[in-house]
Amino acid sequence: DVERSRGLGDVYKRQTDDRSLSRAGLDYHEQAVITHHADWAAFCAWRAQQPPHLLWAYTTKATRRHDDATPGADDILLFGPESRGLPAHLLDSLPGEQRLRLPMRPGSRSLNLSNTVAVAVYQAWGRLI
């Protein structure tokens, strides 16, 4: 399932029609459930009604590596806008062990958002199979 919140900024502006999703490489989008939340508060209200789960925030500011975590089937992977990442207040609301980073070579730029999502989702799926 894909949950999108307008409260996280410019990522929300991307189109989610069939043509746009196919072009973005989401070839299995017919199988995905995409839900749009009006803002972060609406997402949190929705989240409170879901089965027990953890929220995993992917950020360059984390110290824990993504491959050191074991997201569960009901857990949520959270990514912020590519231009600025997740807001500090959101990161601060999560325990440090739920903030994950993809390791990069010193002096290297971080991966772009689509590559980060691909690596994180692949890693999470691989642990569930």
N, C-alpha and C. Protein backbone atom coordinates (compact mmCIF):
# COMPACT_ATOMS: atom_id res chain seq x y z
N ASP A 1 0.84 -1.18 0.00
CA ASP A 1 0.00 0.00 0.00
C ASP A 1 0.88 1.24 0.00
N VAL A 2 0.41 2.31 -0.58
CA VAL A 2 1.14 3.57 -0.64
C VAL A 2 0.29 4.63 0.05
N GLU A 3 0.84 5.25 1.08
CA GLU A 3 0.15 6.32 1.79
C GLU A 3 0.89 7.61 1.47
N ARG A 4 0.16 8.65 1.10
CA ARG A 4 0.80 9.92 0.75
C ARG A 4 0.16 11.04 1.55
N SER A 5 0.98 11.88 2.14
CA SER A 5 0.49 13.00 2.93
C SER A 5 0.95 14.31 2.34
N ARG A 6 0.01 15.21 2.12
CA ARG A 6 0.36 16.54 1.61
C ARG A 6 1.24 17.29 2.58
N GLY A 7 1.16 16.96 3.85
CA GLY A 7 1.92 17.65 4.88
C GLY A 7 3.43 17.50 4.73
N LEU A 8 3.89 16.60 3.87
CA LEU A 8 5.34 16.42 3.71
C LEU A 8 5.89 17.23 2.55
N GLY A 9 5.06 17.95 1.84
CA GLY A 9 5.57 18.88 0.84
C GLY A 9 5.52 18.42 -0.59
N ASP A 10 6.57 18.79 -1.36
CA ASP A 10 6.55 18.67 -2.82
C ASP A 10 6.43 17.26 -3.35
N VAL A 11 6.73 16.24 -2.55
CA VAL A 11 6.58 14.87 -3.03
C VAL A 11 5.13 14.62 -3.42
N TYR A 12 4.21 15.23 -2.71
CA TYR A 12 2.78 15.00 -2.96
C TYR A 12 2.36 15.47 -4.35
N LYS A 13 3.05 16.42 -4.92
CA LYS A 13 2.65 17.00 -6.20
C LYS A 13 2.81 16.04 -7.37
N ARG A 14 3.52 14.96 -7.17
CA ARG A 14 3.70 14.00 -8.25
C ARG A 14 2.37 13.34 -8.58
N GLN A 15 2.16 13.06 -9.84
CA GLN A 15 0.91 12.46 -10.30
C GLN A 15 0.83 10.99 -9.94
N THR A 16 -0.39 10.51 -9.68
CA THR A 16 -0.58 9.10 -9.37
C THR A 16 -1.59 8.44 -10.32
N ASP A 17 -1.73 8.99 -11.52
CA ASP A 17 -2.57 8.33 -12.51
C ASP A 17 -1.79 7.16 -13.10
N ASP A 18 -2.49 6.24 -13.81
CA ASP A 18 -1.85 5.03 -14.34
C ASP A 18 -0.63 5.34 -15.20
N ARG A 19 -0.77 6.31 -16.10
CA ARG A 19 0.35 6.63 -17.01
C ARG A 19 1.57 7.12 -16.23
N SER A 20 1.34 8.02 -15.26
CA SER A 20 2.45 8.56 -14.48
C SER A 20 3.13 7.49 -13.63
N LEU A 21 2.34 6.61 -13.05
CA LEU A 21 2.92 5.55 -12.22
C LEU A 21 3.73 4.57 -13.05
N SER A 22 3.22 4.23 -14.22
CA SER A 22 3.98 3.33 -15.11
C SER A 22 5.28 3.98 -15.54
N ARG A 23 5.22 5.26 -15.88
CA ARG A 23 6.42 5.98 -16.31
C ARG A 23 7.46 6.05 -15.19
N ALA A 24 6.99 6.12 -13.94
CA ALA A 24 7.89 6.18 -12.80
C ALA A 24 8.48 4.82 -12.45
N GLY A 25 8.07 3.79 -13.17
CA GLY A 25 8.63 2.47 -12.92
C GLY A 25 7.82 1.62 -11.96
N LEU A 26 6.66 2.09 -11.57
CA LEU A 26 5.80 1.32 -10.67
C LEU A 26 4.89 0.44 -11.51
N ASP A 27 5.50 -0.55 -12.15
CA ASP A 27 4.78 -1.40 -13.10
C ASP A 27 3.68 -2.23 -12.45
N TYR A 28 3.76 -2.44 -11.18
CA TYR A 28 2.76 -3.24 -10.48
C TYR A 28 1.72 -2.35 -9.80
N HIS A 29 1.58 -1.11 -10.25
CA HIS A 29 0.71 -0.15 -9.56
C HIS A 29 -0.74 -0.58 -9.49
N GLU A 30 -1.17 -1.48 -10.40
CA GLU A 30 -2.55 -1.95 -10.34
C GLU A 30 -2.79 -2.73 -9.04
N GLN A 31 -1.72 -3.28 -8.48
CA GLN A 31 -1.84 -4.07 -7.26
C GLN A 31 -1.67 -3.22 -6.00
N ALA A 32 -1.28 -1.97 -6.17
CA ALA A 32 -1.04 -1.10 -5.03
C ALA A 32 -2.32 -0.35 -4.65
N VAL A 33 -2.48 -0.14 -3.36
CA VAL A 33 -3.56 0.70 -2.86
C VAL A 33 -2.93 2.03 -2.50
N ILE A 34 -3.34 3.09 -3.18
CA ILE A 34 -2.77 4.42 -2.93
C ILE A 34 -3.80 5.28 -2.23
N THR A 35 -3.44 5.77 -1.07
CA THR A 35 -4.33 6.61 -0.27
C THR A 35 -3.69 7.97 -0.10
N HIS A 36 -4.45 9.01 -0.36
CA HIS A 36 -3.97 10.39 -0.16
C HIS A 36 -4.54 10.92 1.15
N HIS A 37 -3.68 11.46 1.99
CA HIS A 37 -4.10 12.06 3.25
C HIS A 37 -3.97 13.57 3.09
N ALA A 38 -4.93 14.30 3.60
CA ALA A 38 -4.95 15.75 3.43
C ALA A 38 -3.73 16.42 4.05
N ASP A 39 -3.25 15.88 5.16
CA ASP A 39 -2.09 16.46 5.84
C ASP A 39 -1.54 15.43 6.83
N TRP A 40 -0.51 15.82 7.56
CA TRP A 40 0.14 14.91 8.49
C TRP A 40 -0.83 14.47 9.58
N ALA A 41 -1.67 15.39 10.07
CA ALA A 41 -2.63 15.03 11.12
C ALA A 41 -3.61 13.96 10.62
N ALA A 42 -4.04 14.06 9.38
CA ALA A 42 -4.96 13.06 8.81
C ALA A 42 -4.25 11.72 8.69
N PHE A 43 -2.99 11.74 8.30
CA PHE A 43 -2.22 10.50 8.24
C PHE A 43 -2.12 9.87 9.62
N CYS A 44 -1.83 10.67 10.63
CA CYS A 44 -1.69 10.16 12.00
C CYS A 44 -3.01 9.59 12.50
N ALA A 45 -4.13 10.23 12.16
CA ALA A 45 -5.44 9.70 12.55
C ALA A 45 -5.70 8.35 11.88
N TRP A 46 -5.37 8.25 10.60
CA TRP A 46 -5.51 6.97 9.89
C TRP A 46 -4.62 5.91 10.53
N ARG A 47 -3.39 6.29 10.82
CA ARG A 47 -2.40 5.37 11.39
C ARG A 47 -2.87 4.81 12.73
N ALA A 48 -3.53 5.62 13.53
CA ALA A 48 -4.00 5.19 14.85
C ALA A 48 -5.03 4.06 14.75
N GLN A 49 -5.66 3.93 13.60
CA GLN A 49 -6.68 2.89 13.41
C GLN A 49 -6.13 1.61 12.78
N GLN A 50 -4.84 1.58 12.51
CA GLN A 50 -4.22 0.43 11.85
C GLN A 50 -3.73 -0.60 12.87
N PRO A 51 -3.46 -1.83 12.41
CA PRO A 51 -2.89 -2.84 13.33
C PRO A 51 -1.56 -2.32 13.90
N PRO A 52 -1.12 -2.90 15.02
CA PRO A 52 0.16 -2.45 15.61
C PRO A 52 1.29 -2.49 14.58
N HIS A 53 2.09 -1.45 14.59
CA HIS A 53 3.16 -1.31 13.60
C HIS A 53 4.18 -0.28 14.08
N LEU A 54 5.30 -0.23 13.39
CA LEU A 54 6.32 0.79 13.63
C LEU A 54 6.40 1.70 12.42
N LEU A 55 6.84 2.90 12.65
CA LEU A 55 7.08 3.87 11.59
C LEU A 55 8.60 4.00 11.45
N TRP A 56 9.13 3.68 10.27
CA TRP A 56 10.56 3.75 10.00
C TRP A 56 10.83 4.97 9.12
N ALA A 57 11.60 5.92 9.63
CA ALA A 57 11.91 7.15 8.89
C ALA A 57 13.29 7.03 8.25
N TYR A 58 13.35 7.23 6.95
CA TYR A 58 14.62 7.20 6.23
C TYR A 58 15.15 8.61 6.11
N THR A 59 16.38 8.81 6.62
CA THR A 59 16.95 10.14 6.67
C THR A 59 18.48 10.07 6.66
N THR A 60 19.09 11.06 6.06
CA THR A 60 20.55 11.13 6.08
C THR A 60 21.06 11.48 7.47
N LYS A 61 20.17 11.91 8.36
CA LYS A 61 20.56 12.32 9.71
C LYS A 61 20.59 11.16 10.70
N ALA A 62 20.21 9.97 10.28
CA ALA A 62 20.18 8.81 11.18
C ALA A 62 21.57 8.22 11.37
N THR A 63 21.74 7.50 12.46
CA THR A 63 22.99 6.79 12.69
C THR A 63 22.81 5.29 12.44
N ARG A 64 21.58 4.79 12.51
CA ARG A 64 21.34 3.35 12.30
C ARG A 64 21.22 3.05 10.81
N ARG A 65 21.93 2.03 10.36
CA ARG A 65 21.88 1.61 8.96
C ARG A 65 20.56 0.91 8.65
N HIS A 66 20.09 1.07 7.43
CA HIS A 66 18.83 0.45 7.02
C HIS A 66 18.88 -1.08 7.07
N ASP A 67 20.04 -1.66 6.83
CA ASP A 67 20.15 -3.11 6.82
C ASP A 67 20.33 -3.70 8.21
N ASP A 68 20.28 -2.85 9.23
CA ASP A 68 20.34 -3.28 10.61
C ASP A 68 18.93 -3.36 11.21
N ALA A 69 17.92 -2.96 10.46
CA ALA A 69 16.54 -2.94 10.93
C ALA A 69 15.75 -4.08 10.28
N THR A 70 14.68 -4.46 10.93
CA THR A 70 13.82 -5.52 10.40
C THR A 70 12.37 -5.05 10.41
N PRO A 71 11.98 -4.27 9.39
CA PRO A 71 10.58 -3.83 9.33
C PRO A 71 9.64 -5.02 9.19
N GLY A 72 8.49 -4.94 9.88
CA GLY A 72 7.49 -5.98 9.81
C GLY A 72 6.50 -5.73 8.68
N ALA A 73 5.64 -6.70 8.46
CA ALA A 73 4.68 -6.63 7.35
C ALA A 73 3.73 -5.44 7.46
N ASP A 74 3.37 -5.03 8.67
CA ASP A 74 2.44 -3.91 8.85
C ASP A 74 3.15 -2.58 9.10
N ASP A 75 4.47 -2.60 9.14
CA ASP A 75 5.22 -1.38 9.41
C ASP A 75 5.14 -0.41 8.23
N ILE A 76 5.44 0.85 8.50
CA ILE A 76 5.36 1.91 7.50
C ILE A 76 6.75 2.49 7.28
N LEU A 77 7.15 2.59 6.02
CA LEU A 77 8.43 3.22 5.65
C LEU A 77 8.12 4.65 5.25
N LEU A 78 8.81 5.60 5.85
CA LEU A 78 8.52 7.01 5.64
C LEU A 78 9.70 7.71 4.99
N PHE A 79 9.41 8.44 3.92
CA PHE A 79 10.43 9.19 3.17
C PHE A 79 9.95 10.63 3.02
N GLY A 80 10.85 11.56 3.11
CA GLY A 80 10.50 12.97 2.95
C GLY A 80 10.82 13.45 1.55
N PRO A 81 10.55 14.72 1.29
CA PRO A 81 10.87 15.31 -0.01
C PRO A 81 12.38 15.23 -0.27
N GLU A 82 12.72 15.00 -1.51
CA GLU A 82 14.13 14.85 -1.88
C GLU A 82 14.93 16.12 -1.59
N SER A 83 14.30 17.27 -1.72
CA SER A 83 15.02 18.54 -1.58
C SER A 83 15.43 18.86 -0.15
N ARG A 84 14.69 18.35 0.84
CA ARG A 84 15.00 18.72 2.23
C ARG A 84 14.81 17.60 3.25
N GLY A 85 14.29 16.47 2.84
CA GLY A 85 14.10 15.36 3.78
C GLY A 85 12.91 15.56 4.69
N LEU A 86 12.84 14.74 5.70
CA LEU A 86 11.73 14.82 6.66
C LEU A 86 11.95 15.98 7.62
N PRO A 87 10.86 16.62 8.05
CA PRO A 87 10.98 17.74 8.99
C PRO A 87 11.59 17.29 10.32
N ALA A 88 12.35 18.17 10.94
CA ALA A 88 13.04 17.85 12.20
C ALA A 88 12.06 17.45 13.28
N HIS A 89 10.91 18.13 13.38
CA HIS A 89 9.95 17.80 14.44
C HIS A 89 9.41 16.38 14.29
N LEU A 90 9.28 15.93 13.06
CA LEU A 90 8.81 14.57 12.83
C LEU A 90 9.89 13.57 13.23
N LEU A 91 11.13 13.81 12.80
CA LEU A 91 12.23 12.92 13.18
C LEU A 91 12.40 12.88 14.69
N ASP A 92 12.28 14.04 15.34
CA ASP A 92 12.45 14.11 16.79
C ASP A 92 11.36 13.35 17.53
N SER A 93 10.22 13.13 16.89
CA SER A 93 9.11 12.43 17.55
C SER A 93 9.30 10.91 17.53
N LEU A 94 10.29 10.43 16.78
CA LEU A 94 10.53 8.99 16.68
C LEU A 94 11.76 8.58 17.47
N PRO A 95 11.72 7.37 18.05
CA PRO A 95 12.93 6.87 18.72
C PRO A 95 14.08 6.76 17.72
N GLY A 96 15.28 6.98 18.17
CA GLY A 96 16.45 6.94 17.29
C GLY A 96 16.58 5.64 16.52
N GLU A 97 16.18 4.52 17.13
CA GLU A 97 16.31 3.24 16.44
C GLU A 97 15.31 3.08 15.30
N GLN A 98 14.34 3.97 15.18
CA GLN A 98 13.39 3.93 14.06
C GLN A 98 13.75 4.93 12.96
N ARG A 99 14.90 5.55 13.07
CA ARG A 99 15.42 6.44 12.02
C ARG A 99 16.55 5.70 11.33
N LEU A 100 16.43 5.54 10.02
CA LEU A 100 17.38 4.72 9.27
C LEU A 100 18.06 5.53 8.17
N ARG A 101 19.27 5.12 7.83
CA ARG A 101 20.00 5.77 6.74
C ARG A 101 20.58 4.71 5.82
N LEU A 102 20.77 5.07 4.60
CA LEU A 102 21.51 4.23 3.66
C LEU A 102 22.96 4.71 3.70
N PRO A 103 23.90 3.82 3.96
CA PRO A 103 25.30 4.26 4.07
C PRO A 103 25.83 4.73 2.72
N MET A 104 26.63 5.77 2.77
CA MET A 104 27.25 6.33 1.57
C MET A 104 28.75 6.48 1.85
N ARG A 105 29.52 6.50 0.78
CA ARG A 105 30.96 6.73 0.91
C ARG A 105 31.18 8.15 1.39
N PRO A 106 32.20 8.38 2.22
CA PRO A 106 32.49 9.74 2.68
C PRO A 106 32.66 10.70 1.50
N GLY A 107 32.05 11.84 1.61
CA GLY A 107 32.15 12.85 0.56
C GLY A 107 31.18 12.66 -0.58
N SER A 108 30.43 11.57 -0.57
CA SER A 108 29.45 11.31 -1.64
C SER A 108 28.12 11.96 -1.31
N ARG A 109 27.42 12.34 -2.35
CA ARG A 109 26.06 12.82 -2.18
C ARG A 109 25.16 11.64 -1.87
N SER A 110 24.03 11.91 -1.21
CA SER A 110 23.10 10.82 -0.93
C SER A 110 22.37 10.42 -2.21
N LEU A 111 21.79 9.23 -2.21
CA LEU A 111 21.01 8.76 -3.36
C LEU A 111 19.78 9.64 -3.54
N ASN A 112 19.27 9.68 -4.78
CA ASN A 112 18.04 10.43 -4.96
C ASN A 112 16.89 9.65 -4.33
N LEU A 113 15.74 10.29 -4.21
CA LEU A 113 14.61 9.71 -3.50
C LEU A 113 14.15 8.39 -4.11
N SER A 114 14.02 8.32 -5.43
CA SER A 114 13.51 7.08 -6.04
C SER A 114 14.45 5.91 -5.78
N ASN A 115 15.76 6.14 -5.83
CA ASN A 115 16.71 5.06 -5.54
C ASN A 115 16.68 4.66 -4.07
N THR A 116 16.54 5.63 -3.20
CA THR A 116 16.46 5.33 -1.77
C THR A 116 15.23 4.49 -1.47
N VAL A 117 14.09 4.87 -2.04
CA VAL A 117 12.85 4.11 -1.84
C VAL A 117 13.02 2.69 -2.39
N ALA A 118 13.61 2.57 -3.57
CA ALA A 118 13.80 1.25 -4.17
C ALA A 118 14.65 0.35 -3.27
N VAL A 119 15.75 0.87 -2.76
CA VAL A 119 16.63 0.08 -1.89
C VAL A 119 15.89 -0.30 -0.61
N ALA A 120 15.24 0.66 0.01
CA ALA A 120 14.55 0.40 1.28
C ALA A 120 13.41 -0.60 1.12
N VAL A 121 12.61 -0.44 0.10
CA VAL A 121 11.48 -1.36 -0.11
C VAL A 121 11.98 -2.75 -0.46
N TYR A 122 12.98 -2.84 -1.32
CA TYR A 122 13.55 -4.14 -1.67
C TYR A 122 14.09 -4.85 -0.44
N GLN A 123 14.80 -4.11 0.39
CA GLN A 123 15.36 -4.69 1.63
C GLN A 123 14.24 -5.18 2.54
N ALA A 124 13.20 -4.39 2.71
CA ALA A 124 12.08 -4.77 3.58
C ALA A 124 11.35 -5.98 3.02
N TRP A 125 11.05 -5.98 1.73
CA TRP A 125 10.36 -7.12 1.10
C TRP A 125 11.20 -8.38 1.23
N GLY A 126 12.51 -8.24 1.01
CA GLY A 126 13.39 -9.41 1.07
C GLY A 126 13.36 -10.09 2.43
N ARG A 127 13.15 -9.33 3.47
CA ARG A 127 13.09 -9.91 4.82
C ARG A 127 11.74 -10.55 5.10
N LEU A 128 10.73 -10.20 4.33
CA LEU A 128 9.39 -10.76 4.54
C LEU A 128 9.14 -12.01 3.72
N ILE A 129 9.97 -12.23 2.71
CA ILE A 129 9.74 -13.37 1.81
C ILE A 129 10.34 -14.63 2.41
